[in-house]
Protein backbone atom coordinates (compact mmCIF):
# COMPACT_ATOMS: atom_id res chain seq x y z
CA MET A 1 0.00 0.00 0.00
CA ALA A 2 1.38 3.39 -0.99
CA THR A 3 1.40 6.30 1.43
CA VAL A 4 -0.40 9.60 0.88
CA HIS A 5 1.39 12.83 1.72
CA VAL A 6 -0.07 16.35 1.66
CA MET A 7 2.27 19.25 0.85
CA HIS A 8 1.81 21.83 3.56
CA ASN A 9 4.50 24.36 4.38
CA GLY A 10 5.01 27.26 2.04
CA GLY A 11 5.35 27.66 -1.66
CA MET A 12 2.75 27.61 -4.38
CA ALA A 13 2.39 23.80 -4.34
CA CYS A 14 1.26 23.70 -0.71
CA VAL A 15 -2.40 23.23 0.13
CA GLY A 16 -2.53 25.82 2.90
CA ASP A 17 -2.74 25.67 6.68
CA GLU A 18 -6.47 25.03 7.05
CA LEU A 19 -6.54 22.12 4.61
CA ALA A 20 -3.35 20.70 6.11
CA LYS A 21 -4.90 20.77 9.59
CA SER A 22 -7.92 18.87 8.28
CA VAL A 23 -5.85 15.77 7.40
CA THR A 24 -3.85 15.37 10.61
CA HIS A 25 -6.39 12.89 12.03
CA ILE A 26 -6.81 10.75 8.90
CA PRO A 27 -5.09 7.34 9.05
CA GLY A 28 -2.66 6.72 6.20
CA VAL A 29 -2.25 10.42 5.39
CA SER A 30 0.66 12.53 6.57
CA LEU A 31 1.88 16.07 6.07
CA CYS A 32 4.98 16.52 3.97
CA PRO A 33 7.08 19.68 3.91
CA LEU A 34 7.66 21.15 0.47
CA GLY A 35 10.97 19.92 -0.85
CA TYR A 36 11.16 16.90 1.46
CA HIS A 37 12.87 14.20 -0.58
CA ASN A 38 13.08 11.21 1.78
CA LEU A 39 9.87 9.59 0.56
CA PRO A 40 9.68 6.34 -1.39
CA ASP A 41 9.14 6.74 -5.14
CA THR A 42 5.73 5.11 -4.76
CA ALA A 43 4.49 7.77 -2.34
CA LEU A 44 1.43 9.69 -3.52
CA MET A 45 1.54 13.44 -3.08
CA VAL A 46 -1.46 15.78 -2.96
CA TYR A 47 -0.58 19.38 -3.73
CA ARG A 48 -1.97 22.65 -5.07
CA ALA A 49 -1.48 22.48 -8.83
CA GLU A 50 -2.58 26.07 -9.45
CA PRO A 51 -5.07 28.43 -7.82
CA GLY A 52 -8.32 26.53 -7.33
CA TRP A 53 -6.92 23.16 -8.42
CA PHE A 54 -5.40 20.25 -6.52
CA ALA A 55 -3.48 17.36 -8.03
CA ILE A 56 -2.02 13.96 -7.24
CA ARG A 57 1.32 12.62 -8.41
CA ARG A 58 3.83 10.01 -7.38
CA LYS A 59 7.10 11.24 -5.97
CA GLY A 60 9.13 9.48 -8.63
CA MET A 61 6.97 10.58 -11.58
CA ALA A 62 7.19 13.81 -13.50
CA GLY A 63 3.49 14.23 -14.33
CA ARG A 64 0.16 14.46 -12.58
CA LEU A 65 -2.02 11.41 -12.16
CA LYS A 66 -5.24 13.35 -11.60
CA ARG A 67 -6.40 16.93 -11.04
CA PHE A 68 -9.47 18.20 -9.14
CA GLN A 69 -11.06 21.50 -8.16
CA SER A 70 -11.76 20.07 -4.71
CA PHE A 71 -9.11 19.20 -2.14
CA ASP A 72 -11.40 16.58 -0.59
CA ARG A 73 -11.89 14.86 -3.96
CA ALA A 74 -8.15 14.88 -4.64
CA LEU A 75 -7.43 13.40 -1.21
CA ALA A 76 -10.13 10.73 -1.62
CA ALA A 77 -8.76 9.77 -5.03
CA ALA A 78 -5.22 9.54 -3.65
CA LYS A 79 -6.43 7.28 -0.84
CA ARG A 80 -8.22 5.02 -3.37
CA ILE A 81 -5.07 4.78 -5.51
CA ALA A 82 -2.95 4.05 -2.43
CA ALA A 83 -5.33 1.28 -1.36
CA THR A 84 -4.92 -0.53 -4.67
CA ASP A 85 -1.10 -0.37 -4.68
């Protein structure tokens, strides 16, 4: 099972403080500082792709897997992908 990480501390890719706080109690989801590189290549990352959009990618991949206008939908999709890995 892959792990899900949410980018949270500064920079344009971070989801913001309020959304980051909302995931601290969810099993299998952790906060990841922007630029943190000690994650396995299979780790799923949820981040702000651009204003109003959130995306999922794997650490070791260059491109996005999926993109959503809702943080909750992006997180749910990342958890589903992680569960099938």
